[in-house]
């Protein structure tokens, strides 16, 4: 019998997001995480935000292909309440959720740019690891 080593093929990638040249909120921070648990076949994509301007609706936009420059709305961030400065966008296949933009594997998102926007203004941007 062939026994796979636990954790073989797992990945846990993270990168920080940056504010654009003229940010609407210079204190905004965020990071993007891609995790894959090979033994369970579970994929988790997450973007976390902090120091955001409270009361705004923030959306995640992801490039439709690496280097295309065309961004597609992937959905809204969740905030605990309207006064909260921290938010999260999470898609976890363990919970039966589909990955953003209908991709089947996290590797299909890798290398694409993402943006955090509200009312057409870019608050944060970065590369998906």
N, C-alpha and C. Protein backbone atom coordinates (compact mmCIF):
# COMPACT_ATOMS: atom_id res chain seq x y z
N UNK A 1 0.84 -1.19 0.00
CA UNK A 1 0.00 0.00 0.00
C UNK A 1 0.87 1.24 0.00
N UNK A 2 0.44 2.23 -0.76
CA UNK A 2 1.17 3.50 -0.82
C UNK A 2 0.52 4.46 0.18
N UNK A 3 1.35 5.00 1.05
CA UNK A 3 0.86 5.94 2.05
C UNK A 3 1.44 7.32 1.75
N UNK A 4 0.56 8.28 1.59
CA UNK A 4 1.02 9.65 1.35
C UNK A 4 1.44 10.28 2.66
N UNK A 5 2.49 11.06 2.61
CA UNK A 5 2.93 11.79 3.80
C UNK A 5 1.91 12.86 4.11
N UNK A 6 1.51 13.00 5.39
CA UNK A 6 0.55 14.05 5.74
C UNK A 6 1.10 15.41 5.35
N UNK A 7 0.28 16.22 4.74
CA UNK A 7 0.69 17.57 4.37
C UNK A 7 1.36 17.65 3.01
N UNK A 8 1.62 16.52 2.38
CA UNK A 8 2.25 16.54 1.06
C UNK A 8 1.30 17.18 0.06
N UNK A 9 1.76 18.19 -0.63
CA UNK A 9 0.91 18.87 -1.60
C UNK A 9 0.11 20.02 -1.01
N UNK A 10 0.20 20.23 0.30
CA UNK A 10 -0.49 21.36 0.94
C UNK A 10 0.18 22.66 0.54
N UNK A 11 -0.58 23.74 0.56
CA UNK A 11 0.01 25.07 0.35
C UNK A 11 -0.70 26.08 1.24
N UNK A 12 0.03 27.07 1.65
CA UNK A 12 -0.50 28.16 2.46
C UNK A 12 0.26 29.41 2.06
N UNK A 13 -0.32 30.16 1.13
CA UNK A 13 0.35 31.33 0.55
C UNK A 13 -0.32 32.61 1.02
N UNK A 14 0.47 33.64 1.24
CA UNK A 14 -0.06 34.92 1.73
C UNK A 14 0.74 36.07 1.14
N UNK A 15 0.06 37.15 0.77
CA UNK A 15 0.76 38.36 0.36
C UNK A 15 -0.02 39.58 0.84
N UNK A 16 0.72 40.63 1.11
CA UNK A 16 0.13 41.87 1.59
C UNK A 16 -0.41 42.70 0.43
N UNK A 17 -1.49 43.42 0.70
CA UNK A 17 -2.04 44.35 -0.28
C UNK A 17 -1.44 45.73 -0.01
N UNK A 18 -1.44 46.58 -1.03
CA UNK A 18 -0.87 47.93 -0.91
C UNK A 18 -1.91 48.97 -1.29
N UNK A 19 -1.74 50.16 -0.76
CA UNK A 19 -2.61 51.26 -1.17
C UNK A 19 -2.12 51.79 -2.52
N UNK A 20 -3.03 52.30 -3.36
CA UNK A 20 -2.62 52.86 -4.65
C UNK A 20 -1.90 54.20 -4.45
N UNK A 21 -1.44 54.80 -5.54
CA UNK A 21 -0.66 56.05 -5.48
C UNK A 21 -1.38 57.17 -4.73
N UNK A 22 -2.67 57.37 -5.00
CA UNK A 22 -3.45 58.40 -4.30
C UNK A 22 -4.61 57.72 -3.58
N UNK A 23 -4.34 57.11 -2.43
CA UNK A 23 -5.38 56.33 -1.77
C UNK A 23 -6.45 57.18 -1.10
N UNK A 24 -7.71 56.72 -1.14
CA UNK A 24 -8.77 57.43 -0.41
C UNK A 24 -8.58 57.28 1.11
N UNK A 25 -7.87 56.21 1.52
CA UNK A 25 -7.58 55.97 2.94
C UNK A 25 -6.18 55.38 3.03
N UNK A 26 -5.19 56.22 3.37
CA UNK A 26 -3.79 55.78 3.41
C UNK A 26 -3.51 54.77 4.52
N UNK A 27 -4.41 54.67 5.50
CA UNK A 27 -4.20 53.74 6.62
C UNK A 27 -4.74 52.34 6.36
N UNK A 28 -5.47 52.17 5.26
CA UNK A 28 -6.05 50.87 4.93
C UNK A 28 -4.97 49.81 4.77
N UNK A 29 -5.25 48.60 5.28
CA UNK A 29 -4.32 47.48 5.16
C UNK A 29 -5.10 46.23 4.79
N UNK A 30 -4.39 45.28 4.21
CA UNK A 30 -5.03 44.02 3.89
C UNK A 30 -4.05 42.98 3.44
N UNK A 31 -4.52 41.74 3.38
CA UNK A 31 -3.71 40.66 2.84
C UNK A 31 -4.62 39.64 2.17
N UNK A 32 -4.02 38.88 1.29
CA UNK A 32 -4.74 37.83 0.57
C UNK A 32 -4.07 36.50 0.90
N UNK A 33 -4.90 35.47 1.13
CA UNK A 33 -4.39 34.15 1.50
C UNK A 33 -5.05 33.08 0.64
N UNK A 34 -4.23 32.15 0.21
CA UNK A 34 -4.72 30.97 -0.52
C UNK A 34 -4.20 29.74 0.20
N UNK A 35 -5.12 28.89 0.66
CA UNK A 35 -4.71 27.68 1.38
C UNK A 35 -5.31 26.47 0.69
N UNK A 36 -4.49 25.42 0.57
CA UNK A 36 -4.97 24.17 0.00
C UNK A 36 -4.57 23.04 0.93
N UNK A 37 -5.55 22.24 1.36
CA UNK A 37 -5.33 21.07 2.19
C UNK A 37 -5.48 19.85 1.29
N UNK A 38 -4.36 19.29 0.87
CA UNK A 38 -4.38 18.20 -0.10
C UNK A 38 -5.15 16.95 0.37
N UNK A 39 -4.90 16.45 1.60
CA UNK A 39 -5.62 15.23 2.00
C UNK A 39 -7.15 15.36 1.94
N UNK A 40 -7.68 16.54 2.29
CA UNK A 40 -9.12 16.75 2.24
C UNK A 40 -9.59 17.33 0.90
N UNK A 41 -8.65 17.79 0.08
CA UNK A 41 -9.02 18.43 -1.18
C UNK A 41 -9.72 19.76 -0.95
N UNK A 42 -9.41 20.41 0.17
CA UNK A 42 -10.08 21.66 0.56
C UNK A 42 -9.27 22.87 0.11
N UNK A 43 -9.96 23.83 -0.52
CA UNK A 43 -9.35 25.09 -0.92
C UNK A 43 -10.03 26.24 -0.19
N UNK A 44 -9.21 27.19 0.27
CA UNK A 44 -9.74 28.36 0.96
C UNK A 44 -9.06 29.61 0.41
N UNK A 45 -9.87 30.57 -0.03
CA UNK A 45 -9.39 31.85 -0.53
C UNK A 45 -9.92 32.93 0.39
N UNK A 46 -9.04 33.78 0.87
CA UNK A 46 -9.46 34.77 1.86
C UNK A 46 -8.71 36.09 1.66
N UNK A 47 -9.46 37.19 1.78
CA UNK A 47 -8.86 38.53 1.80
C UNK A 47 -9.33 39.20 3.08
N UNK A 48 -8.38 39.66 3.88
CA UNK A 48 -8.70 40.33 5.14
C UNK A 48 -8.33 41.80 5.04
N UNK A 49 -9.20 42.63 5.59
CA UNK A 49 -9.00 44.08 5.57
C UNK A 49 -8.96 44.63 7.00
N UNK A 50 -8.18 45.70 7.20
CA UNK A 50 -8.19 46.40 8.48
C UNK A 50 -7.97 47.89 8.23
N UNK A 51 -8.34 48.68 9.22
CA UNK A 51 -8.24 50.15 9.15
C UNK A 51 -9.03 50.75 8.00
N UNK A 52 -10.13 50.09 7.64
CA UNK A 52 -10.96 50.60 6.55
C UNK A 52 -11.88 51.71 7.07
N UNK A 53 -12.35 52.56 6.18
CA UNK A 53 -13.29 53.61 6.55
C UNK A 53 -14.64 52.95 6.84
N UNK A 54 -15.16 53.08 8.06
CA UNK A 54 -16.42 52.41 8.41
C UNK A 54 -17.61 52.93 7.61
N UNK A 55 -18.59 52.04 7.43
CA UNK A 55 -19.84 52.43 6.80
C UNK A 55 -19.87 52.34 5.29
N UNK A 56 -18.76 51.98 4.66
CA UNK A 56 -18.71 51.85 3.21
C UNK A 56 -18.94 50.39 2.82
N UNK A 57 -19.45 50.16 1.62
CA UNK A 57 -19.57 48.81 1.06
C UNK A 57 -18.35 48.57 0.18
N UNK A 58 -17.55 47.58 0.53
CA UNK A 58 -16.33 47.26 -0.22
C UNK A 58 -16.54 45.99 -1.02
N UNK A 59 -16.07 46.01 -2.26
CA UNK A 59 -16.16 44.84 -3.14
C UNK A 59 -14.77 44.39 -3.55
N UNK A 60 -14.65 43.08 -3.79
CA UNK A 60 -13.41 42.50 -4.29
C UNK A 60 -13.52 42.36 -5.80
N UNK A 61 -12.53 42.90 -6.50
CA UNK A 61 -12.45 42.76 -7.95
C UNK A 61 -11.18 41.98 -8.27
N UNK A 62 -11.31 40.97 -9.14
CA UNK A 62 -10.18 40.12 -9.52
C UNK A 62 -10.05 40.15 -11.04
N UNK A 63 -8.79 40.19 -11.51
CA UNK A 63 -8.53 40.13 -12.95
C UNK A 63 -9.13 38.86 -13.55
N UNK A 64 -9.72 38.97 -14.73
CA UNK A 64 -10.33 37.80 -15.36
C UNK A 64 -9.30 36.83 -15.92
N UNK A 65 -8.06 37.28 -16.08
CA UNK A 65 -6.94 36.44 -16.51
C UNK A 65 -5.65 37.17 -16.12
N UNK A 66 -4.56 36.44 -15.94
CA UNK A 66 -3.30 37.06 -15.55
C UNK A 66 -2.89 38.13 -16.55
N UNK A 67 -2.67 39.36 -16.06
CA UNK A 67 -2.19 40.46 -16.90
C UNK A 67 -3.22 41.10 -17.80
N UNK A 68 -4.48 40.69 -17.71
CA UNK A 68 -5.49 41.22 -18.63
C UNK A 68 -5.84 42.67 -18.35
N UNK A 69 -5.78 43.08 -17.07
CA UNK A 69 -6.18 44.43 -16.71
C UNK A 69 -7.69 44.61 -16.67
N UNK A 70 -8.44 43.55 -16.94
CA UNK A 70 -9.90 43.58 -16.87
C UNK A 70 -10.33 42.93 -15.56
N UNK A 71 -11.01 43.72 -14.71
CA UNK A 71 -11.37 43.24 -13.38
C UNK A 71 -12.86 42.90 -13.31
N UNK A 72 -13.15 41.79 -12.61
CA UNK A 72 -14.51 41.29 -12.47
C UNK A 72 -14.89 41.35 -10.99
N UNK A 73 -16.11 41.78 -10.71
CA UNK A 73 -16.61 41.87 -9.34
C UNK A 73 -16.81 40.45 -8.79
N UNK A 74 -16.06 40.13 -7.70
CA UNK A 74 -16.15 38.79 -7.11
C UNK A 74 -17.05 38.77 -5.88
N UNK A 75 -17.54 39.94 -5.46
CA UNK A 75 -18.45 39.97 -4.32
C UNK A 75 -18.05 40.96 -3.25
N UNK A 76 -18.95 41.10 -2.27
CA UNK A 76 -18.77 42.06 -1.19
C UNK A 76 -17.99 41.47 -0.02
N UNK A 77 -17.33 42.35 0.72
CA UNK A 77 -16.67 41.97 1.97
C UNK A 77 -17.70 41.97 3.08
N UNK A 78 -17.49 41.08 4.06
CA UNK A 78 -18.35 41.02 5.24
C UNK A 78 -17.71 41.82 6.37
N UNK A 79 -18.51 42.68 6.99
CA UNK A 79 -18.10 43.43 8.17
C UNK A 79 -19.08 43.08 9.28
N UNK A 80 -18.60 42.99 10.52
CA UNK A 80 -19.47 42.59 11.63
C UNK A 80 -20.61 43.58 11.85
N UNK A 81 -20.32 44.87 11.65
CA UNK A 81 -21.35 45.90 11.79
C UNK A 81 -20.92 47.13 11.02
N UNK A 82 -21.81 48.12 10.81
CA UNK A 82 -21.47 49.30 10.00
C UNK A 82 -20.33 50.15 10.56
N UNK A 83 -20.01 50.00 11.85
CA UNK A 83 -18.93 50.79 12.45
C UNK A 83 -17.59 50.06 12.43
N UNK A 84 -17.60 48.82 11.98
CA UNK A 84 -16.39 48.00 11.97
C UNK A 84 -15.39 48.49 10.92
N UNK A 85 -14.10 48.44 11.27
CA UNK A 85 -13.02 48.82 10.35
C UNK A 85 -12.34 47.60 9.74
N UNK A 86 -12.75 46.39 10.19
CA UNK A 86 -12.14 45.17 9.68
C UNK A 86 -13.18 44.35 8.92
N UNK A 87 -12.77 43.82 7.79
CA UNK A 87 -13.67 43.04 6.96
C UNK A 87 -12.99 41.81 6.40
N UNK A 88 -13.81 40.92 5.84
CA UNK A 88 -13.27 39.67 5.31
C UNK A 88 -14.09 39.21 4.11
N UNK A 89 -13.38 38.69 3.12
CA UNK A 89 -13.98 38.00 1.98
C UNK A 89 -13.41 36.60 2.05
N UNK A 90 -14.27 35.60 2.15
CA UNK A 90 -13.78 34.23 2.29
C UNK A 90 -14.62 33.27 1.46
N UNK A 91 -13.94 32.38 0.76
CA UNK A 91 -14.60 31.29 0.06
C UNK A 91 -13.87 30.02 0.43
N UNK A 92 -14.62 29.06 1.00
CA UNK A 92 -14.02 27.82 1.50
C UNK A 92 -14.80 26.64 0.93
N UNK A 93 -14.11 25.81 0.15
CA UNK A 93 -14.79 24.66 -0.46
C UNK A 93 -15.24 23.65 0.60
N UNK A 94 -14.61 23.67 1.78
CA UNK A 94 -15.03 22.79 2.88
C UNK A 94 -16.46 23.10 3.30
N UNK A 95 -16.86 24.37 3.17
CA UNK A 95 -18.21 24.81 3.51
C UNK A 95 -19.16 24.75 2.32
N UNK A 96 -18.70 24.15 1.21
CA UNK A 96 -19.53 24.03 0.02
C UNK A 96 -19.56 25.28 -0.85
N UNK A 97 -18.67 26.23 -0.57
CA UNK A 97 -18.63 27.47 -1.35
C UNK A 97 -17.74 27.30 -2.57
N UNK A 98 -18.11 27.98 -3.64
CA UNK A 98 -17.30 27.97 -4.86
C UNK A 98 -16.18 28.99 -4.73
N UNK A 99 -15.05 28.72 -5.35
CA UNK A 99 -13.96 29.69 -5.38
C UNK A 99 -14.36 30.88 -6.26
N UNK A 100 -13.71 32.04 -6.07
CA UNK A 100 -14.08 33.23 -6.86
C UNK A 100 -13.98 33.00 -8.36
N UNK A 101 -14.85 33.66 -9.09
CA UNK A 101 -14.91 33.65 -10.55
C UNK A 101 -15.12 32.26 -11.14
N UNK A 102 -15.58 31.32 -10.31
CA UNK A 102 -15.90 29.99 -10.80
C UNK A 102 -14.69 29.12 -11.11
N UNK A 103 -13.49 29.51 -10.65
CA UNK A 103 -12.31 28.68 -10.92
C UNK A 103 -12.43 27.39 -10.10
N UNK A 104 -11.78 26.35 -10.56
CA UNK A 104 -11.82 25.06 -9.88
C UNK A 104 -10.67 24.88 -8.90
N UNK A 105 -9.53 25.55 -9.19
CA UNK A 105 -8.34 25.40 -8.35
C UNK A 105 -7.76 26.78 -8.01
N UNK A 106 -7.16 26.90 -6.83
CA UNK A 106 -6.54 28.15 -6.41
C UNK A 106 -5.44 28.57 -7.38
N UNK A 107 -4.75 27.60 -7.96
CA UNK A 107 -3.66 27.92 -8.89
C UNK A 107 -4.16 28.73 -10.10
N UNK A 108 -5.45 28.62 -10.40
CA UNK A 108 -6.02 29.39 -11.52
C UNK A 108 -6.12 30.88 -11.18
N UNK A 109 -6.12 31.22 -9.89
CA UNK A 109 -6.17 32.63 -9.47
C UNK A 109 -4.77 33.21 -9.28
N UNK A 110 -3.79 32.36 -9.06
CA UNK A 110 -2.43 32.79 -8.78
C UNK A 110 -1.88 33.67 -9.90
N UNK A 111 -1.28 34.82 -9.50
CA UNK A 111 -0.69 35.74 -10.47
C UNK A 111 -1.64 36.81 -10.96
N UNK A 112 -2.91 36.69 -10.62
CA UNK A 112 -3.87 37.72 -11.02
C UNK A 112 -3.84 38.88 -10.02
N UNK A 113 -4.11 40.07 -10.50
CA UNK A 113 -4.22 41.23 -9.63
C UNK A 113 -5.62 41.26 -9.02
N UNK A 114 -5.69 41.84 -7.82
CA UNK A 114 -6.99 42.07 -7.20
C UNK A 114 -7.05 43.50 -6.70
N UNK A 115 -8.27 43.99 -6.55
CA UNK A 115 -8.52 45.34 -6.04
C UNK A 115 -9.64 45.29 -5.02
N UNK A 116 -9.52 46.14 -4.02
CA UNK A 116 -10.60 46.35 -3.05
C UNK A 116 -11.15 47.73 -3.38
N UNK A 117 -12.43 47.79 -3.76
CA UNK A 117 -13.02 49.04 -4.21
C UNK A 117 -14.30 49.36 -3.44
N UNK A 118 -14.58 50.66 -3.39
CA UNK A 118 -15.86 51.15 -2.89
C UNK A 118 -16.23 52.36 -3.71
N UNK A 119 -17.42 52.35 -4.26
CA UNK A 119 -17.94 53.46 -5.08
C UNK A 119 -16.94 53.89 -6.17
N UNK A 120 -16.29 52.90 -6.80
CA UNK A 120 -15.39 53.19 -7.91
C UNK A 120 -13.98 53.61 -7.51
N UNK A 121 -13.70 53.76 -6.22
CA UNK A 121 -12.36 54.12 -5.76
C UNK A 121 -11.62 52.87 -5.29
N UNK A 122 -10.34 52.77 -5.68
CA UNK A 122 -9.50 51.64 -5.27
C UNK A 122 -8.85 51.97 -3.93
N UNK A 123 -9.13 51.14 -2.92
CA UNK A 123 -8.57 51.33 -1.57
C UNK A 123 -7.30 50.51 -1.38
N UNK A 124 -7.27 49.29 -1.92
CA UNK A 124 -6.12 48.40 -1.81
C UNK A 124 -6.01 47.59 -3.08
N UNK A 125 -4.78 47.15 -3.37
CA UNK A 125 -4.57 46.31 -4.55
C UNK A 125 -3.36 45.41 -4.31
N UNK A 126 -3.29 44.34 -5.07
CA UNK A 126 -2.16 43.43 -4.91
C UNK A 126 -2.29 42.22 -5.81
N UNK A 127 -1.30 41.35 -5.69
CA UNK A 127 -1.19 40.17 -6.51
C UNK A 127 -1.59 38.95 -5.70
N UNK A 128 -2.39 38.07 -6.30
CA UNK A 128 -2.78 36.84 -5.64
C UNK A 128 -1.61 35.87 -5.70
N UNK A 129 -1.18 35.35 -4.54
CA UNK A 129 0.00 34.46 -4.54
C UNK A 129 -0.29 33.11 -5.19
